[in-house]
Amino acid sequence: MKILCINPNSSSEVTEGIEKICKEYALPGTEVEIKSIKEAPSGIESYHDAAISEKYLLERFEEWKGKYDGFIIACHSDIGVDLLRELTDKPVIGIGEASMLLALPLGHKFSILSLKRKKIPQKEDLVKKYGLENRCASIRATGLGVVANDKEKREKLIQEGEKAVTEDRAEILILGCAGMAGMDKEIEKAIGVPVIDGVVSALLIMESLIRYGVNTSKAGKYL
């Protein structure tokens, strides 16, 4: 199977992190190609950033859609997911939705470790969109930008993750940005609860959808 994982920002650092984690977790026989949107901002931190990224994503997708069996959007805000589902019947998933779905069997409530405080309302809207308000303990801001050094990421994720577990009663933690890819096991060891990486979640779900031979329904929303 051939999967395209799209980083909708222009950060080479984030793209490299996504590529590394996909190579680590992909099944034998799965080919994962990573592409970024070079004209987009280095991080998708506002609605304006998302609009710029989606403009160029729309242009590129016409070229990409016939070459792959499924598509992952590596942005935890799931920008462009509905757009691509309308343009192809092949499976499309964002790392936000995937991370929440993978968290559900592991405990009663999850918390999302997000970026800056202004992202919290966007995450709340996303949780509501997927009908998971009663399974979300909290959304916590780490204060990080999409691109931050590993030491800062580690410290902030552990700090806010511990608060989510002790104060918000979260049982699972979700890393709320593709720029946090690959830090799940380290944070899990430090805090002692399951920690979900959205990129890994999306890859595992996408492989399952393709193996199962199912496509995006065109019976209603995505006509």
N, C-alpha and C. Protein backbone atom coordinates (compact mmCIF):
# COMPACT_ATOMS: atom_id res chain seq x y z
N MET A 1 0.84 -1.19 0.00
CA MET A 1 0.00 0.00 0.00
C MET A 1 0.88 1.24 0.00
N LYS A 2 0.34 2.31 -0.55
CA LYS A 2 1.10 3.55 -0.66
C LYS A 2 0.30 4.68 -0.02
N ILE A 3 0.88 5.31 1.00
CA ILE A 3 0.19 6.34 1.78
C ILE A 3 0.95 7.65 1.64
N LEU A 4 0.20 8.74 1.47
CA LEU A 4 0.79 10.06 1.49
C LEU A 4 0.46 10.73 2.81
N CYS A 5 1.49 11.13 3.55
CA CYS A 5 1.32 11.87 4.80
C CYS A 5 1.71 13.32 4.52
N ILE A 6 0.75 14.22 4.67
CA ILE A 6 0.94 15.63 4.31
C ILE A 6 1.17 16.46 5.57
N ASN A 7 2.33 17.09 5.64
CA ASN A 7 2.57 18.11 6.66
C ASN A 7 2.11 19.44 6.07
N PRO A 8 1.02 20.03 6.57
CA PRO A 8 0.50 21.23 5.93
C PRO A 8 1.24 22.52 6.27
N ASN A 9 2.36 22.41 7.01
CA ASN A 9 3.19 23.60 7.19
C ASN A 9 4.50 23.44 6.42
N SER A 10 5.37 24.43 6.53
CA SER A 10 6.60 24.43 5.73
C SER A 10 7.84 24.06 6.54
N SER A 11 7.67 23.65 7.78
CA SER A 11 8.83 23.36 8.64
C SER A 11 9.52 22.06 8.24
N SER A 12 10.77 22.16 7.85
CA SER A 12 11.53 20.95 7.51
C SER A 12 11.78 20.11 8.76
N GLU A 13 11.92 20.76 9.91
CA GLU A 13 12.14 20.03 11.17
C GLU A 13 10.94 19.16 11.51
N VAL A 14 9.74 19.72 11.39
CA VAL A 14 8.53 18.95 11.67
C VAL A 14 8.37 17.82 10.65
N THR A 15 8.64 18.13 9.38
CA THR A 15 8.53 17.11 8.33
C THR A 15 9.47 15.95 8.59
N GLU A 16 10.68 16.24 9.01
CA GLU A 16 11.66 15.19 9.31
C GLU A 16 11.21 14.34 10.49
N GLY A 17 10.61 14.98 11.49
CA GLY A 17 10.10 14.23 12.64
C GLY A 17 8.97 13.30 12.25
N ILE A 18 8.09 13.77 11.37
CA ILE A 18 6.98 12.95 10.88
C ILE A 18 7.52 11.76 10.09
N GLU A 19 8.48 12.03 9.22
CA GLU A 19 9.05 10.96 8.40
C GLU A 19 9.72 9.89 9.26
N LYS A 20 10.43 10.31 10.29
CA LYS A 20 11.12 9.37 11.17
C LYS A 20 10.13 8.44 11.86
N ILE A 21 9.06 9.00 12.39
CA ILE A 21 8.10 8.18 13.13
C ILE A 21 7.31 7.27 12.19
N CYS A 22 7.02 7.73 10.97
CA CYS A 22 6.33 6.87 10.00
C CYS A 22 7.19 5.68 9.61
N LYS A 23 8.47 5.90 9.40
CA LYS A 23 9.37 4.80 9.06
C LYS A 23 9.45 3.79 10.20
N GLU A 24 9.39 4.28 11.43
CA GLU A 24 9.50 3.40 12.59
C GLU A 24 8.28 2.49 12.74
N TYR A 25 7.09 3.02 12.43
CA TYR A 25 5.87 2.28 12.72
C TYR A 25 5.18 1.65 11.51
N ALA A 26 5.57 1.99 10.30
CA ALA A 26 4.90 1.45 9.11
C ALA A 26 5.11 -0.06 9.01
N LEU A 27 4.08 -0.75 8.58
CA LEU A 27 4.17 -2.19 8.35
C LEU A 27 5.12 -2.49 7.20
N PRO A 28 5.73 -3.67 7.21
CA PRO A 28 6.51 -4.09 6.02
C PRO A 28 5.57 -4.09 4.80
N GLY A 29 6.01 -3.52 3.74
CA GLY A 29 5.18 -3.44 2.55
C GLY A 29 4.38 -2.16 2.43
N THR A 30 4.37 -1.35 3.51
CA THR A 30 3.72 -0.04 3.45
C THR A 30 4.75 1.01 3.03
N GLU A 31 4.42 1.73 1.99
CA GLU A 31 5.27 2.84 1.55
C GLU A 31 4.62 4.15 1.97
N VAL A 32 5.30 4.91 2.81
CA VAL A 32 4.77 6.19 3.27
C VAL A 32 5.64 7.31 2.72
N GLU A 33 5.02 8.20 1.98
CA GLU A 33 5.73 9.37 1.46
C GLU A 33 5.27 10.60 2.22
N ILE A 34 6.21 11.45 2.58
CA ILE A 34 5.90 12.66 3.35
C ILE A 34 6.10 13.88 2.46
N LYS A 35 5.09 14.72 2.40
CA LYS A 35 5.20 15.98 1.65
C LYS A 35 4.75 17.13 2.54
N SER A 36 5.39 18.27 2.38
CA SER A 36 4.97 19.46 3.11
C SER A 36 4.47 20.51 2.13
N ILE A 37 3.84 21.54 2.67
CA ILE A 37 3.36 22.66 1.86
C ILE A 37 4.37 23.79 2.00
N LYS A 38 5.25 23.91 1.02
CA LYS A 38 6.39 24.84 1.13
C LYS A 38 5.96 26.30 1.24
N GLU A 39 4.79 26.62 0.65
CA GLU A 39 4.34 28.02 0.67
C GLU A 39 3.60 28.39 1.96
N ALA A 40 3.34 27.41 2.80
CA ALA A 40 2.59 27.64 4.04
C ALA A 40 3.50 28.21 5.12
N PRO A 41 2.92 28.75 6.19
CA PRO A 41 3.74 29.18 7.33
C PRO A 41 4.48 27.99 7.95
N SER A 42 5.47 28.27 8.79
CA SER A 42 6.25 27.20 9.42
C SER A 42 5.44 26.47 10.49
N GLY A 43 4.35 27.06 10.93
CA GLY A 43 3.45 26.40 11.87
C GLY A 43 2.03 26.87 11.62
N ILE A 44 1.05 25.97 11.78
CA ILE A 44 -0.35 26.35 11.60
C ILE A 44 -0.89 26.73 12.97
N GLU A 45 -0.83 28.02 13.29
CA GLU A 45 -1.17 28.48 14.63
C GLU A 45 -2.37 29.45 14.64
N SER A 46 -3.02 29.62 13.48
CA SER A 46 -4.17 30.52 13.41
C SER A 46 -5.06 30.09 12.24
N TYR A 47 -6.26 30.64 12.20
CA TYR A 47 -7.16 30.36 11.07
C TYR A 47 -6.56 30.90 9.77
N HIS A 48 -5.85 32.02 9.87
CA HIS A 48 -5.20 32.60 8.69
C HIS A 48 -4.14 31.65 8.15
N ASP A 49 -3.31 31.09 9.05
CA ASP A 49 -2.30 30.11 8.64
C ASP A 49 -2.95 28.92 7.94
N ALA A 50 -4.07 28.46 8.52
CA ALA A 50 -4.76 27.30 7.95
C ALA A 50 -5.31 27.61 6.56
N ALA A 51 -5.83 28.81 6.37
CA ALA A 51 -6.39 29.19 5.07
C ALA A 51 -5.31 29.22 3.99
N ILE A 52 -4.14 29.75 4.33
CA ILE A 52 -3.03 29.78 3.37
C ILE A 52 -2.63 28.35 3.00
N SER A 53 -2.49 27.50 4.01
CA SER A 53 -2.09 26.12 3.76
C SER A 53 -3.11 25.39 2.89
N GLU A 54 -4.39 25.56 3.20
CA GLU A 54 -5.42 24.86 2.43
C GLU A 54 -5.47 25.31 0.98
N LYS A 55 -5.16 26.58 0.74
CA LYS A 55 -5.13 27.08 -0.64
C LYS A 55 -4.14 26.28 -1.48
N TYR A 56 -2.94 26.10 -0.95
CA TYR A 56 -1.92 25.37 -1.69
C TYR A 56 -2.14 23.86 -1.65
N LEU A 57 -2.74 23.37 -0.57
CA LEU A 57 -3.09 21.95 -0.50
C LEU A 57 -4.07 21.59 -1.62
N LEU A 58 -5.04 22.45 -1.84
CA LEU A 58 -6.02 22.23 -2.90
C LEU A 58 -5.35 22.15 -4.27
N GLU A 59 -4.39 23.02 -4.51
CA GLU A 59 -3.66 23.02 -5.79
C GLU A 59 -2.85 21.74 -5.96
N ARG A 60 -2.17 21.31 -4.90
CA ARG A 60 -1.29 20.14 -4.98
C ARG A 60 -2.08 18.83 -5.08
N PHE A 61 -3.24 18.78 -4.44
CA PHE A 61 -3.93 17.50 -4.32
C PHE A 61 -4.39 16.95 -5.66
N GLU A 62 -4.67 17.80 -6.59
CA GLU A 62 -5.07 17.33 -7.93
C GLU A 62 -3.99 16.44 -8.52
N GLU A 63 -2.74 16.80 -8.26
CA GLU A 63 -1.60 16.02 -8.74
C GLU A 63 -1.40 14.75 -7.92
N TRP A 64 -1.69 14.80 -6.63
CA TRP A 64 -1.39 13.69 -5.72
C TRP A 64 -2.46 12.61 -5.66
N LYS A 65 -3.71 12.97 -5.89
CA LYS A 65 -4.81 12.07 -5.50
C LYS A 65 -4.84 10.73 -6.23
N GLY A 66 -4.25 10.66 -7.43
CA GLY A 66 -4.26 9.40 -8.16
C GLY A 66 -3.09 8.49 -7.86
N LYS A 67 -2.15 8.96 -7.03
CA LYS A 67 -0.89 8.23 -6.84
C LYS A 67 -0.83 7.41 -5.55
N TYR A 68 -1.84 7.59 -4.66
CA TYR A 68 -1.75 6.98 -3.33
C TYR A 68 -3.05 6.26 -2.98
N ASP A 69 -2.96 5.35 -2.03
CA ASP A 69 -4.13 4.58 -1.57
C ASP A 69 -4.86 5.25 -0.42
N GLY A 70 -4.21 6.19 0.25
CA GLY A 70 -4.84 6.90 1.35
C GLY A 70 -4.00 8.10 1.75
N PHE A 71 -4.62 9.02 2.51
CA PHE A 71 -3.99 10.30 2.81
C PHE A 71 -4.13 10.65 4.29
N ILE A 72 -3.02 11.09 4.88
CA ILE A 72 -2.98 11.55 6.27
C ILE A 72 -2.66 13.04 6.27
N ILE A 73 -3.42 13.80 7.06
CA ILE A 73 -3.09 15.21 7.30
C ILE A 73 -2.41 15.30 8.66
N ALA A 74 -1.13 15.64 8.66
CA ALA A 74 -0.34 15.66 9.90
C ALA A 74 -0.42 17.03 10.56
N CYS A 75 -1.63 17.42 10.92
CA CYS A 75 -1.89 18.63 11.71
C CYS A 75 -2.99 18.27 12.68
N HIS A 76 -2.78 18.51 13.96
CA HIS A 76 -3.74 18.05 14.96
C HIS A 76 -5.05 18.83 14.91
N SER A 77 -5.09 19.93 14.18
CA SER A 77 -6.35 20.66 13.98
C SER A 77 -7.16 20.07 12.83
N ASP A 78 -6.62 19.05 12.15
CA ASP A 78 -7.29 18.35 11.05
C ASP A 78 -7.72 19.30 9.93
N ILE A 79 -6.86 20.29 9.64
CA ILE A 79 -7.21 21.21 8.56
C ILE A 79 -7.18 20.47 7.23
N GLY A 80 -8.15 20.76 6.37
CA GLY A 80 -8.17 20.19 5.04
C GLY A 80 -8.71 18.78 4.94
N VAL A 81 -9.03 18.14 6.06
CA VAL A 81 -9.51 16.75 6.01
C VAL A 81 -10.84 16.65 5.28
N ASP A 82 -11.81 17.47 5.65
CA ASP A 82 -13.11 17.43 4.98
C ASP A 82 -12.97 17.80 3.50
N LEU A 83 -12.09 18.74 3.21
CA LEU A 83 -11.84 19.14 1.82
C LEU A 83 -11.37 17.96 0.99
N LEU A 84 -10.38 17.23 1.48
CA LEU A 84 -9.85 16.10 0.71
C LEU A 84 -10.84 14.96 0.63
N ARG A 85 -11.63 14.74 1.66
CA ARG A 85 -12.65 13.69 1.60
C ARG A 85 -13.69 13.98 0.53
N GLU A 86 -13.90 15.25 0.26
CA GLU A 86 -14.83 15.63 -0.81
C GLU A 86 -14.22 15.41 -2.19
N LEU A 87 -12.89 15.44 -2.27
CA LEU A 87 -12.20 15.36 -3.55
C LEU A 87 -11.79 13.94 -3.94
N THR A 88 -11.86 13.00 -3.00
CA THR A 88 -11.48 11.62 -3.31
C THR A 88 -12.33 10.67 -2.49
N ASP A 89 -12.52 9.44 -3.00
CA ASP A 89 -13.20 8.43 -2.20
C ASP A 89 -12.19 7.58 -1.43
N LYS A 90 -10.91 7.80 -1.64
CA LYS A 90 -9.90 7.09 -0.87
C LYS A 90 -9.91 7.60 0.58
N PRO A 91 -9.53 6.76 1.54
CA PRO A 91 -9.59 7.20 2.94
C PRO A 91 -8.66 8.38 3.24
N VAL A 92 -9.16 9.30 4.03
CA VAL A 92 -8.41 10.48 4.48
C VAL A 92 -8.63 10.61 5.99
N ILE A 93 -7.56 10.81 6.74
CA ILE A 93 -7.71 11.01 8.18
C ILE A 93 -6.71 12.04 8.67
N GLY A 94 -7.13 12.81 9.66
CA GLY A 94 -6.24 13.77 10.31
C GLY A 94 -5.72 13.19 11.61
N ILE A 95 -4.58 13.68 12.06
CA ILE A 95 -3.99 13.11 13.26
C ILE A 95 -4.76 13.48 14.52
N GLY A 96 -5.58 14.55 14.46
CA GLY A 96 -6.41 14.90 15.61
C GLY A 96 -7.47 13.84 15.85
N GLU A 97 -8.26 13.56 14.82
CA GLU A 97 -9.31 12.54 14.93
C GLU A 97 -8.70 11.18 15.26
N ALA A 98 -7.62 10.82 14.59
CA ALA A 98 -6.99 9.52 14.80
C ALA A 98 -6.53 9.34 16.24
N SER A 99 -5.92 10.38 16.81
CA SER A 99 -5.40 10.27 18.18
C SER A 99 -6.53 10.08 19.18
N MET A 100 -7.65 10.75 18.97
CA MET A 100 -8.78 10.59 19.88
C MET A 100 -9.38 9.20 19.76
N LEU A 101 -9.51 8.70 18.54
CA LEU A 101 -10.07 7.37 18.34
C LEU A 101 -9.20 6.30 18.99
N LEU A 102 -7.89 6.46 18.89
CA LEU A 102 -6.99 5.47 19.46
C LEU A 102 -6.97 5.55 20.99
N ALA A 103 -7.28 6.72 21.53
CA ALA A 103 -7.30 6.88 22.98
C ALA A 103 -8.52 6.22 23.63
N LEU A 104 -9.62 6.14 22.91
CA LEU A 104 -10.89 5.72 23.51
C LEU A 104 -10.86 4.35 24.19
N PRO A 105 -10.21 3.33 23.61
CA PRO A 105 -10.24 2.02 24.28
C PRO A 105 -9.30 1.92 25.49
N LEU A 106 -8.50 2.94 25.75
CA LEU A 106 -7.43 2.83 26.73
C LEU A 106 -7.78 3.39 28.10
N GLY A 107 -8.92 4.03 28.22
CA GLY A 107 -9.31 4.60 29.50
C GLY A 107 -10.56 5.45 29.34
N HIS A 108 -11.02 5.99 30.46
CA HIS A 108 -12.29 6.72 30.45
C HIS A 108 -12.18 8.09 29.79
N LYS A 109 -11.17 8.90 30.17
CA LYS A 109 -11.07 10.25 29.63
C LYS A 109 -9.63 10.57 29.21
N PHE A 110 -9.53 11.34 28.15
CA PHE A 110 -8.22 11.79 27.66
C PHE A 110 -8.09 13.30 27.84
N SER A 111 -6.84 13.75 27.91
CA SER A 111 -6.53 15.18 27.84
C SER A 111 -5.61 15.42 26.66
N ILE A 112 -5.80 16.54 25.99
CA ILE A 112 -4.98 16.93 24.84
C ILE A 112 -3.97 17.97 25.31
N LEU A 113 -2.70 17.70 25.05
CA LEU A 113 -1.64 18.67 25.35
C LEU A 113 -1.41 19.49 24.08
N SER A 114 -1.89 20.71 24.09
CA SER A 114 -1.89 21.55 22.90
C SER A 114 -0.74 22.55 22.94
N LEU A 115 -0.81 23.53 22.06
CA LEU A 115 0.24 24.54 21.95
C LEU A 115 -0.11 25.76 22.80
N LYS A 116 -0.27 26.90 22.18
CA LYS A 116 -0.56 28.12 22.94
C LYS A 116 -2.04 28.19 23.32
N ARG A 117 -2.33 29.06 24.30
CA ARG A 117 -3.68 29.12 24.85
C ARG A 117 -4.76 29.39 23.79
N LYS A 118 -4.41 30.15 22.75
CA LYS A 118 -5.41 30.48 21.73
C LYS A 118 -5.87 29.25 20.95
N LYS A 119 -5.10 28.15 21.02
CA LYS A 119 -5.49 26.93 20.32
C LYS A 119 -6.55 26.14 21.07
N ILE A 120 -6.76 26.44 22.35
CA ILE A 120 -7.70 25.65 23.14
C ILE A 120 -9.12 25.68 22.57
N PRO A 121 -9.68 26.86 22.23
CA PRO A 121 -11.04 26.85 21.66
C PRO A 121 -11.13 26.04 20.36
N GLN A 122 -10.08 26.07 19.53
CA GLN A 122 -10.08 25.27 18.31
C GLN A 122 -10.13 23.78 18.63
N LYS A 123 -9.37 23.37 19.62
CA LYS A 123 -9.38 21.95 20.03
C LYS A 123 -10.74 21.58 20.61
N GLU A 124 -11.33 22.49 21.38
CA GLU A 124 -12.66 22.22 21.94
C GLU A 124 -13.68 22.02 20.82
N ASP A 125 -13.59 22.84 19.79
CA ASP A 125 -14.49 22.68 18.64
C ASP A 125 -14.27 21.34 17.94
N LEU A 126 -13.02 20.91 17.86
CA LEU A 126 -12.71 19.64 17.20
C LEU A 126 -13.26 18.47 18.01
N VAL A 127 -13.10 18.52 19.33
CA VAL A 127 -13.65 17.47 20.20
C VAL A 127 -15.16 17.39 20.03
N LYS A 128 -15.83 18.54 19.98
CA LYS A 128 -17.29 18.58 19.79
C LYS A 128 -17.67 18.02 18.42
N LYS A 129 -16.90 18.35 17.40
CA LYS A 129 -17.17 17.87 16.06
C LYS A 129 -17.21 16.34 16.03
N TYR A 130 -16.32 15.71 16.78
CA TYR A 130 -16.25 14.25 16.79
C TYR A 130 -17.14 13.63 17.87
N GLY A 131 -17.92 14.47 18.58
CA GLY A 131 -18.87 13.96 19.55
C GLY A 131 -18.23 13.35 20.78
N LEU A 132 -17.07 13.88 21.19
CA LEU A 132 -16.31 13.24 22.28
C LEU A 132 -16.18 14.13 23.52
N GLU A 133 -17.09 15.08 23.68
CA GLU A 133 -16.99 15.99 24.83
C GLU A 133 -16.98 15.22 26.16
N ASN A 134 -17.76 14.14 26.26
CA ASN A 134 -17.85 13.42 27.53
C ASN A 134 -16.65 12.51 27.78
N ARG A 135 -15.74 12.42 26.79
CA ARG A 135 -14.54 11.61 26.97
C ARG A 135 -13.28 12.47 27.11
N CYS A 136 -13.45 13.79 27.01
CA CYS A 136 -12.30 14.70 27.07
C CYS A 136 -12.25 15.36 28.45
N ALA A 137 -11.20 15.06 29.20
CA ALA A 137 -11.05 15.63 30.54
C ALA A 137 -10.63 17.09 30.48
N SER A 138 -9.74 17.41 29.55
CA SER A 138 -9.25 18.79 29.46
C SER A 138 -8.40 18.96 28.21
N ILE A 139 -8.18 20.23 27.88
CA ILE A 139 -7.21 20.61 26.85
C ILE A 139 -6.27 21.60 27.52
N ARG A 140 -5.00 21.26 27.57
CA ARG A 140 -4.04 22.09 28.29
C ARG A 140 -3.03 22.72 27.32
N ALA A 141 -2.76 23.99 27.54
CA ALA A 141 -1.79 24.72 26.72
C ALA A 141 -0.39 24.52 27.30
N THR A 142 0.54 24.13 26.45
CA THR A 142 1.93 24.00 26.87
C THR A 142 2.69 25.31 26.70
N GLY A 143 2.13 26.22 25.89
CA GLY A 143 2.82 27.48 25.59
C GLY A 143 3.84 27.34 24.48
N LEU A 144 3.97 26.14 23.92
CA LEU A 144 4.95 25.89 22.86
C LEU A 144 4.45 26.38 21.51
N GLY A 145 5.36 26.74 20.62
CA GLY A 145 5.04 26.92 19.22
C GLY A 145 5.19 25.58 18.52
N VAL A 146 4.80 25.53 17.25
CA VAL A 146 4.92 24.27 16.50
C VAL A 146 6.37 23.80 16.48
N VAL A 147 7.30 24.75 16.30
CA VAL A 147 8.72 24.43 16.31
C VAL A 147 9.32 24.90 17.63
N ALA A 148 9.80 23.96 18.43
CA ALA A 148 10.45 24.29 19.70
C ALA A 148 11.54 23.25 19.93
N ASN A 149 12.51 23.56 20.78
CA ASN A 149 13.58 22.59 20.98
C ASN A 149 13.09 21.44 21.86
N ASP A 150 13.76 20.29 21.74
CA ASP A 150 13.29 19.07 22.39
C ASP A 150 13.25 19.19 23.90
N LYS A 151 14.22 19.86 24.49
CA LYS A 151 14.25 20.01 25.94
C LYS A 151 13.02 20.78 26.43
N GLU A 152 12.71 21.87 25.73
CA GLU A 152 11.54 22.67 26.11
C GLU A 152 10.26 21.87 25.95
N LYS A 153 10.15 21.13 24.83
CA LYS A 153 8.98 20.29 24.61
C LYS A 153 8.81 19.29 25.74
N ARG A 154 9.89 18.60 26.07
CA ARG A 154 9.85 17.56 27.10
C ARG A 154 9.39 18.13 28.44
N GLU A 155 9.98 19.22 28.85
CA GLU A 155 9.64 19.83 30.14
C GLU A 155 8.19 20.27 30.20
N LYS A 156 7.73 20.94 29.15
CA LYS A 156 6.36 21.46 29.14
C LYS A 156 5.33 20.34 29.05
N LEU A 157 5.61 19.33 28.25
CA LEU A 157 4.68 18.22 28.11
C LEU A 157 4.54 17.44 29.41
N ILE A 158 5.64 17.21 30.09
CA ILE A 158 5.58 16.51 31.37
C ILE A 158 4.86 17.36 32.41
N GLN A 159 5.17 18.63 32.44
CA GLN A 159 4.54 19.55 33.41
C GLN A 159 3.03 19.58 33.25
N GLU A 160 2.57 19.81 32.03
CA GLU A 160 1.12 19.91 31.79
C GLU A 160 0.45 18.54 31.81
N GLY A 161 1.18 17.51 31.40
CA GLY A 161 0.63 16.16 31.43
C GLY A 161 0.36 15.70 32.86
N GLU A 162 1.27 15.99 33.76
CA GLU A 162 1.07 15.63 35.17
C GLU A 162 -0.14 16.35 35.76
N LYS A 163 -0.32 17.63 35.39
CA LYS A 163 -1.48 18.38 35.87
C LYS A 163 -2.77 17.79 35.31
N ALA A 164 -2.75 17.37 34.06
CA ALA A 164 -3.94 16.79 33.44
C ALA A 164 -4.37 15.52 34.18
N VAL A 165 -3.39 14.73 34.59
CA VAL A 165 -3.70 13.47 35.29
C VAL A 165 -4.14 13.74 36.72
N THR A 166 -3.42 14.59 37.44
CA THR A 166 -3.71 14.79 38.87
C THR A 166 -4.86 15.75 39.12
N GLU A 167 -4.98 16.79 38.28
CA GLU A 167 -6.01 17.80 38.51
C GLU A 167 -7.27 17.57 37.68
N ASP A 168 -7.11 17.07 36.46
CA ASP A 168 -8.25 16.93 35.55
C ASP A 168 -8.77 15.50 35.47
N ARG A 169 -8.07 14.57 36.11
CA ARG A 169 -8.44 13.15 36.15
C ARG A 169 -8.37 12.49 34.78
N ALA A 170 -7.45 12.96 33.96
CA ALA A 170 -7.23 12.30 32.66
C ALA A 170 -6.55 10.95 32.88
N GLU A 171 -6.90 9.98 32.04
CA GLU A 171 -6.29 8.66 32.11
C GLU A 171 -5.39 8.38 30.90
N ILE A 172 -5.56 9.19 29.86
CA ILE A 172 -4.74 9.09 28.65
C ILE A 172 -4.36 10.50 28.24
N LEU A 173 -3.15 10.67 27.74
CA LEU A 173 -2.70 11.97 27.24
C LEU A 173 -2.50 11.88 25.73
N ILE A 174 -2.90 12.94 25.04
CA ILE A 174 -2.74 13.02 23.59
C ILE A 174 -1.80 14.17 23.26
N LEU A 175 -0.80 13.90 22.44
CA LEU A 175 0.12 14.95 21.98
C LEU A 175 -0.57 15.73 20.86
N GLY A 176 -0.87 17.00 21.11
CA GLY A 176 -1.74 17.77 20.23
C GLY A 176 -1.06 18.55 19.14
N CYS A 177 0.04 18.03 18.58
CA CYS A 177 0.73 18.70 17.48
C CYS A 177 1.68 17.72 16.82
N ALA A 178 1.78 17.77 15.50
CA ALA A 178 2.72 16.90 14.79
C ALA A 178 4.16 17.23 15.16
N GLY A 179 4.41 18.45 15.63
CA GLY A 179 5.74 18.82 16.07
C GLY A 179 6.18 18.11 17.34
N MET A 180 5.24 17.40 17.99
CA MET A 180 5.57 16.60 19.18
C MET A 180 5.81 15.14 18.84
N ALA A 181 5.79 14.80 17.56
CA ALA A 181 5.93 13.41 17.13
C ALA A 181 7.20 12.78 17.68
N GLY A 182 7.06 11.55 18.16
CA GLY A 182 8.21 10.80 18.64
C GLY A 182 8.52 10.97 20.11
N MET A 183 7.74 11.81 20.82
CA MET A 183 8.01 12.05 22.24
C MET A 183 7.06 11.27 23.14
N ASP A 184 6.19 10.46 22.57
CA ASP A 184 5.15 9.79 23.33
C ASP A 184 5.69 8.85 24.41
N LYS A 185 6.62 7.97 24.04
CA LYS A 185 7.09 6.96 24.99
C LYS A 185 7.89 7.59 26.13
N GLU A 186 8.61 8.63 25.82
CA GLU A 186 9.38 9.33 26.85
C GLU A 186 8.45 9.98 27.88
N ILE A 187 7.38 10.63 27.40
CA ILE A 187 6.42 11.28 28.29
C ILE A 187 5.63 10.22 29.06
N GLU A 188 5.29 9.15 28.38
CA GLU A 188 4.56 8.04 29.02
C GLU A 188 5.34 7.47 30.20
N LYS A 189 6.63 7.27 29.99
CA LYS A 189 7.49 6.73 31.06
C LYS A 189 7.56 7.69 32.24
N ALA A 190 7.61 8.99 31.96
CA ALA A 190 7.74 9.98 33.03
C ALA A 190 6.46 10.12 33.85
N ILE A 191 5.30 9.99 33.21
CA ILE A 191 4.04 10.27 33.89
C ILE A 191 3.31 9.00 34.33
N GLY A 192 3.45 7.92 33.55
CA GLY A 192 2.85 6.65 33.95
C GLY A 192 1.45 6.39 33.44
N VAL A 193 1.02 7.12 32.41
CA VAL A 193 -0.26 6.82 31.74
C VAL A 193 0.01 6.72 30.24
N PRO A 194 -0.91 6.08 29.48
CA PRO A 194 -0.71 6.00 28.03
C PRO A 194 -0.64 7.39 27.39
N VAL A 195 0.30 7.56 26.47
CA VAL A 195 0.46 8.82 25.74
C VAL A 195 0.35 8.51 24.25
N ILE A 196 -0.53 9.21 23.56
CA ILE A 196 -0.86 8.92 22.17
C ILE A 196 -0.24 9.94 21.23
N ASP A 197 0.49 9.44 20.26
CA ASP A 197 1.08 10.25 19.19
C ASP A 197 0.12 10.24 18.01
N GLY A 198 -0.30 11.42 17.57
CA GLY A 198 -1.28 11.51 16.50
C GLY A 198 -0.80 10.96 15.17
N VAL A 199 0.48 11.16 14.85
CA VAL A 199 1.01 10.66 13.58
C VAL A 199 0.99 9.14 13.56
N VAL A 200 1.43 8.52 14.64
CA VAL A 200 1.39 7.06 14.74
C VAL A 200 -0.05 6.57 14.64
N SER A 201 -0.97 7.23 15.34
CA SER A 201 -2.38 6.84 15.33
C SER A 201 -2.95 6.86 13.92
N ALA A 202 -2.68 7.94 13.20
CA ALA A 202 -3.22 8.08 11.85
C ALA A 202 -2.64 7.02 10.91
N LEU A 203 -1.36 6.73 11.05
CA LEU A 203 -0.74 5.72 10.21
C LEU A 203 -1.34 4.35 10.47
N LEU A 204 -1.50 3.97 11.73
CA LEU A 204 -2.06 2.66 12.06
C LEU A 204 -3.50 2.52 11.57
N ILE A 205 -4.29 3.57 11.76
CA ILE A 205 -5.68 3.52 11.29
C ILE A 205 -5.74 3.49 9.78
N MET A 206 -4.90 4.28 9.11
CA MET A 206 -4.91 4.31 7.65
C MET A 206 -4.54 2.94 7.06
N GLU A 207 -3.51 2.32 7.62
CA GLU A 207 -3.14 0.98 7.15
C GLU A 207 -4.31 0.02 7.30
N SER A 208 -5.03 0.10 8.40
CA SER A 208 -6.18 -0.78 8.63
C SER A 208 -7.30 -0.53 7.63
N LEU A 209 -7.59 0.74 7.36
CA LEU A 209 -8.65 1.07 6.40
C LEU A 209 -8.31 0.55 5.00
N ILE A 210 -7.07 0.72 4.60
CA ILE A 210 -6.66 0.27 3.27
C ILE A 210 -6.68 -1.25 3.19
N ARG A 211 -6.17 -1.92 4.21
CA ARG A 211 -6.18 -3.39 4.23
C ARG A 211 -7.60 -3.93 4.21
N TYR A 212 -8.51 -3.22 4.88
CA TYR A 212 -9.91 -3.65 4.94
C TYR A 212 -10.65 -3.37 3.63
N GLY A 213 -10.09 -2.51 2.80
CA GLY A 213 -10.67 -2.22 1.49
C GLY A 213 -11.89 -1.33 1.55
N VAL A 214 -11.92 -0.38 2.49
CA VAL A 214 -13.06 0.54 2.60
C VAL A 214 -12.66 1.94 2.17
N ASN A 215 -13.63 2.67 1.65
CA ASN A 215 -13.40 4.01 1.14
C ASN A 215 -14.33 5.02 1.80
N THR A 216 -14.07 6.30 1.56
CA THR A 216 -14.92 7.36 2.07
C THR A 216 -16.31 7.30 1.43
N SER A 217 -17.33 7.31 2.24
CA SER A 217 -18.70 7.25 1.72
C SER A 217 -19.05 8.51 0.93
N LYS A 218 -19.72 8.29 -0.18
CA LYS A 218 -20.20 9.42 -1.00
C LYS A 218 -21.73 9.49 -0.96
N ALA A 219 -22.31 8.96 0.11
CA ALA A 219 -23.76 8.91 0.21
C ALA A 219 -24.37 10.19 0.78
N GLY A 220 -23.55 11.08 1.32
CA GLY A 220 -24.12 12.26 1.96
C GLY A 220 -23.16 13.42 2.03
N LYS A 221 -22.43 13.56 3.14
CA LYS A 221 -21.61 14.73 3.42
C LYS A 221 -20.54 14.98 2.37
N TYR A 222 -19.93 13.91 1.86
CA TYR A 222 -18.79 14.07 0.98
C TYR A 222 -19.13 13.79 -0.49
N LEU A 223 -20.36 14.07 -0.88
CA LEU A 223 -20.76 13.93 -2.28
C LEU A 223 -19.89 14.79 -3.18
